[in-house]
Amino acid sequence: MPYILDIQNITLDYLVAFCLGILFSVTINAEAKAFVAQILGDVRSSDKTRFHFNAFRHLDILGTIAFFIAGFGWPRSVDVDTSKFEHPRLYSVIVQCSGPAANFILASIISSLSLIVEQFSIDSNMFKIVLGVNLMTAVSNLLPFPPLALGRIPEAFISERYKRFKKIFLQVSPYLLAALLFLERASHSGMVNRFLMPLFSPVFSFFTKAYAFG
């Protein structure tokens, strides 16, 4: 599958496409969360720290390493002030879901571009790799581990009395997830894949068949 970086059989074009997939997926994921947060009330006089479309500034060290270990990762956490939301819990959930939703929209754009490219008899395999990384980023957000979207949703329902615990947990959780992914890859247990593949495969198949990838 195109979302796994095969170290033993890696080629330059494969590596370039894989890295482009990382940059595109983390950028659209993070920018979408910031955009939706602003629409829902978290408006700031200067949003240059959130809106800049500089992919490298959205890269999270552990999240980037995770891409090379497991085929998916996460962007740097987006600063969201939930106190500015009219309905903090509901809007927090919407903000978290907007990231993977944006990845699906990007997948449609990538697939459409590949269809245009194929009309000129150009190999669309690089598009397929970028698509795979992007879709894996979207689907992986269904894992119940922070900093992935589903793992961040319970955060909105934790009482302020446990604010300190929540802060510590959110700081530690990326390290725990990265360690889990490393152990999973090193042991070849396939534990994470057994959960994600039934979700990823039909989605990836839909996009590649619907847009007639070569």
Protein backbone atom coordinates (compact mmCIF):
# COMPACT_ATOMS: atom_id res chain seq x y z
CA MET A 1 0.00 0.00 0.00
CA PRO A 2 1.26 3.52 -0.80
CA TYR A 3 1.09 4.90 2.73
CA ILE A 4 3.87 2.71 4.15
CA LEU A 5 7.44 3.86 3.56
CA ASP A 6 9.30 0.72 2.48
CA ILE A 7 12.90 1.41 3.55
CA GLN A 8 14.30 -1.64 1.74
CA ASN A 9 12.80 -0.79 -1.65
CA ILE A 10 12.71 2.99 -1.45
CA THR A 11 13.22 5.10 -4.59
CA LEU A 12 13.77 8.84 -4.94
CA ASP A 13 10.39 9.56 -6.55
CA TYR A 14 8.63 7.45 -3.90
CA LEU A 15 10.40 9.34 -1.09
CA VAL A 16 9.60 12.72 -2.67
CA ALA A 17 5.92 11.81 -3.07
CA PHE A 18 5.78 10.48 0.48
CA CYS A 19 7.28 13.68 1.91
CA LEU A 20 4.92 15.81 -0.20
CA GLY A 21 2.05 13.76 1.19
CA ILE A 22 3.19 14.58 4.72
CA LEU A 23 3.51 18.31 4.01
CA PHE A 24 0.13 18.56 2.29
CA SER A 25 -1.75 16.48 4.86
CA VAL A 26 -0.45 18.26 7.98
CA THR A 27 -0.90 21.71 6.44
CA ILE A 28 -4.52 21.24 5.38
CA ASN A 29 -5.33 19.48 8.67
CA ALA A 30 -3.93 22.26 10.87
CA GLU A 31 -5.14 25.19 8.77
CA ALA A 32 -8.66 23.75 8.65
CA LYS A 33 -8.82 23.54 12.45
CA ALA A 34 -7.63 27.15 12.78
CA PHE A 35 -10.09 28.34 10.13
CA VAL A 36 -13.08 26.59 11.73
CA ALA A 37 -12.05 27.80 15.20
CA GLN A 38 -12.07 31.37 13.91
CA ILE A 39 -15.49 30.95 12.27
CA LEU A 40 -16.90 29.57 15.52
CA GLY A 41 -15.69 32.52 17.58
CA ASP A 42 -11.98 32.22 18.33
CA VAL A 43 -11.15 35.42 16.44
CA ARG A 44 -7.80 37.11 16.99
CA SER A 45 -6.36 40.42 15.85
CA SER A 46 -3.32 38.61 14.46
CA ASP A 47 -3.55 35.00 13.38
CA LYS A 48 -0.13 34.64 11.75
CA THR A 49 0.73 31.85 14.16
CA ARG A 50 -2.22 29.82 12.88
CA PHE A 51 -2.74 30.99 9.28
CA HIS A 52 0.43 30.97 7.21
CA PHE A 53 0.27 27.87 4.97
CA ASN A 54 3.91 27.22 5.78
CA ALA A 55 3.93 23.44 5.91
CA PHE A 56 7.22 23.25 7.78
CA ARG A 57 5.85 25.36 10.64
CA HIS A 58 2.98 22.89 11.00
CA LEU A 59 5.31 19.90 11.36
CA ASP A 60 5.42 18.26 14.77
CA ILE A 61 8.64 16.36 15.49
CA LEU A 62 6.97 13.25 16.90
CA GLY A 63 4.14 13.47 14.38
CA THR A 64 6.63 13.57 11.50
CA ILE A 65 8.59 10.61 12.88
CA ALA A 66 5.29 8.72 13.16
CA PHE A 67 4.71 9.18 9.42
CA PHE A 68 7.93 7.34 8.65
CA ILE A 69 7.21 4.63 11.23
CA ALA A 70 3.51 3.97 10.67
CA GLY A 71 2.47 5.83 7.52
CA PHE A 72 0.47 8.45 9.38
CA GLY A 73 1.14 11.22 11.87
CA TRP A 74 -0.16 14.54 13.11
CA PRO A 75 0.59 18.27 12.79
CA ARG A 76 1.70 20.63 15.50
CA SER A 77 -1.16 21.35 17.89
CA VAL A 78 -3.33 24.31 16.85
CA ASP A 79 -3.83 26.97 19.52
CA VAL A 80 -7.58 27.19 20.18
CA ASP A 81 -9.18 29.28 22.92
CA THR A 82 -12.39 27.39 23.73
CA SER A 83 -13.50 30.11 26.16
CA LYS A 84 -14.40 32.23 23.15
CA PHE A 85 -16.86 29.63 21.86
CA GLU A 86 -20.58 30.08 22.47
CA HIS A 87 -20.88 26.32 22.95
CA PRO A 88 -17.36 25.24 24.03
CA ARG A 89 -17.88 21.47 24.07
CA LEU A 90 -19.77 21.20 20.80
CA TYR A 91 -17.52 23.63 18.96
CA SER A 92 -14.38 21.91 20.27
CA VAL A 93 -15.60 18.64 18.76
CA ILE A 94 -16.35 20.39 15.45
CA VAL A 95 -12.87 21.93 15.37
CA GLN A 96 -11.21 18.55 15.93
CA CYS A 97 -13.32 16.92 13.22
CA SER A 98 -12.58 19.67 10.71
CA GLY A 99 -8.98 18.50 10.33
CA PRO A 100 -9.69 15.01 8.94
CA ALA A 101 -12.66 16.42 6.99
CA ALA A 102 -10.25 18.77 5.22
CA ASN A 103 -7.99 15.81 4.43
CA PHE A 104 -10.89 14.11 2.66
CA ILE A 105 -11.55 17.27 0.64
CA LEU A 106 -7.88 17.40 -0.30
CA ALA A 107 -8.10 13.75 -1.35
CA SER A 108 -10.82 14.68 -3.86
CA ILE A 109 -8.65 17.48 -5.25
CA ILE A 110 -5.60 15.21 -5.57
CA SER A 111 -7.69 12.55 -7.29
CA SER A 112 -9.13 15.09 -9.73
CA LEU A 113 -5.65 16.39 -10.57
CA SER A 114 -4.41 12.85 -11.18
CA LEU A 115 -7.29 12.29 -13.59
CA ILE A 116 -6.28 15.40 -15.54
CA VAL A 117 -2.62 14.36 -15.58
CA GLU A 118 -3.49 10.91 -16.90
CA GLN A 119 -5.18 12.50 -19.91
CA PHE A 120 -1.69 13.54 -21.02
CA SER A 121 -0.36 9.98 -20.56
CA ILE A 122 1.66 10.99 -17.49
CA ASP A 123 2.19 8.44 -14.73
CA SER A 124 -0.06 9.26 -11.78
CA ASN A 125 1.70 6.99 -9.28
CA MET A 126 3.12 9.93 -7.31
CA PHE A 127 -0.41 11.30 -6.92
CA LYS A 128 -1.45 7.89 -5.62
CA ILE A 129 1.23 7.95 -2.94
CA VAL A 130 0.33 11.49 -1.85
CA LEU A 131 -3.33 10.44 -1.79
CA GLY A 132 -2.54 7.40 0.35
CA VAL A 133 -0.60 9.39 2.95
CA ASN A 134 -3.33 12.05 3.09
CA LEU A 135 -6.16 9.53 3.46
CA MET A 136 -4.23 7.61 6.09
CA THR A 137 -3.87 10.86 8.02
CA ALA A 138 -7.64 11.34 7.86
CA VAL A 139 -8.55 7.77 8.81
CA SER A 140 -5.97 7.55 11.60
CA ASN A 141 -7.81 10.33 13.41
CA LEU A 142 -10.32 7.63 14.37
CA LEU A 143 -7.75 6.18 16.75
CA PRO A 144 -8.72 7.12 20.34
CA PHE A 145 -5.31 8.54 21.21
CA PRO A 146 -4.38 12.22 21.60
CA PRO A 147 -3.19 14.14 19.65
CA LEU A 148 -5.41 12.48 17.01
CA ALA A 149 -8.90 13.96 16.60
CA LEU A 150 -10.93 11.21 18.27
CA GLY A 151 -8.48 11.18 21.16
CA ARG A 152 -8.85 14.94 21.65
CA ILE A 153 -12.66 14.96 21.74
CA PRO A 154 -13.00 13.72 25.38
CA GLU A 155 -10.84 16.68 26.37
CA ALA A 156 -13.83 18.97 25.80
CA PHE A 157 -15.84 17.10 28.43
CA ILE A 158 -13.22 17.01 31.20
CA SER A 159 -14.06 19.25 34.12
CA GLU A 160 -11.90 22.28 34.84
CA ARG A 161 -11.12 20.68 38.20
CA TYR A 162 -8.86 18.28 36.31
CA LYS A 163 -7.26 20.98 34.18
CA ARG A 164 -3.76 20.17 35.46
CA PHE A 165 -4.18 16.45 34.78
CA LYS A 166 -5.53 17.22 31.31
CA LYS A 167 -2.55 19.44 30.50
CA ILE A 168 -0.04 16.80 31.61
CA PHE A 169 -1.85 14.05 29.72
CA LEU A 170 -1.94 16.07 26.50
CA GLN A 171 1.78 16.76 26.82
CA VAL A 172 2.67 13.12 27.42
CA SER A 173 0.23 11.41 25.03
CA PRO A 174 2.16 12.16 21.79
CA TYR A 175 5.21 10.43 23.25
CA LEU A 176 3.11 7.44 24.30
CA LEU A 177 1.53 7.16 20.85
CA ALA A 178 4.89 7.50 19.08
CA ALA A 179 6.34 4.80 21.35
CA LEU A 180 3.36 2.53 20.62
CA LEU A 181 3.81 2.98 16.87
CA PHE A 182 7.55 2.30 17.12
CA LEU A 183 7.00 -0.90 19.11
CA GLU A 184 4.28 -1.95 16.68
CA ARG A 185 6.60 -1.49 13.71
CA ALA A 186 9.60 -3.12 15.41
CA SER A 187 7.64 -6.15 16.59
CA HIS A 188 5.62 -6.50 13.36
CA SER A 189 2.56 -7.15 15.51
CA GLY A 190 0.23 -5.32 13.12
CA MET A 191 -1.93 -4.22 16.03
CA VAL A 192 -2.61 -0.72 14.70
CA ASN A 193 -3.04 -1.92 11.13
CA ARG A 194 -5.66 -4.45 12.17
CA PHE A 195 -7.79 -1.53 13.33
CA LEU A 196 -7.03 0.92 10.54
CA MET A 197 -6.92 -1.28 7.44
CA PRO A 198 -10.66 -2.18 7.46
CA LEU A 199 -11.31 1.58 7.53
CA PHE A 200 -8.56 2.72 5.18
CA SER A 201 -8.85 0.09 2.42
CA PRO A 202 -12.44 0.84 1.29
CA VAL A 203 -11.82 4.60 1.45
CA PHE A 204 -8.61 4.35 -0.57
CA SER A 205 -10.28 1.97 -3.01
CA PHE A 206 -13.20 4.39 -3.44
CA PHE A 207 -10.97 7.32 -4.36
CA THR A 208 -8.73 5.34 -6.71
CA LYS A 209 -11.63 3.68 -8.53
CA ALA A 210 -13.96 6.67 -8.57
CA TYR A 211 -11.26 8.79 -10.19
CA ALA A 212 -9.95 5.97 -12.38
CA PHE A 213 -6.35 5.87 -11.24
CA GLY A 214 -4.09 4.05 -13.60
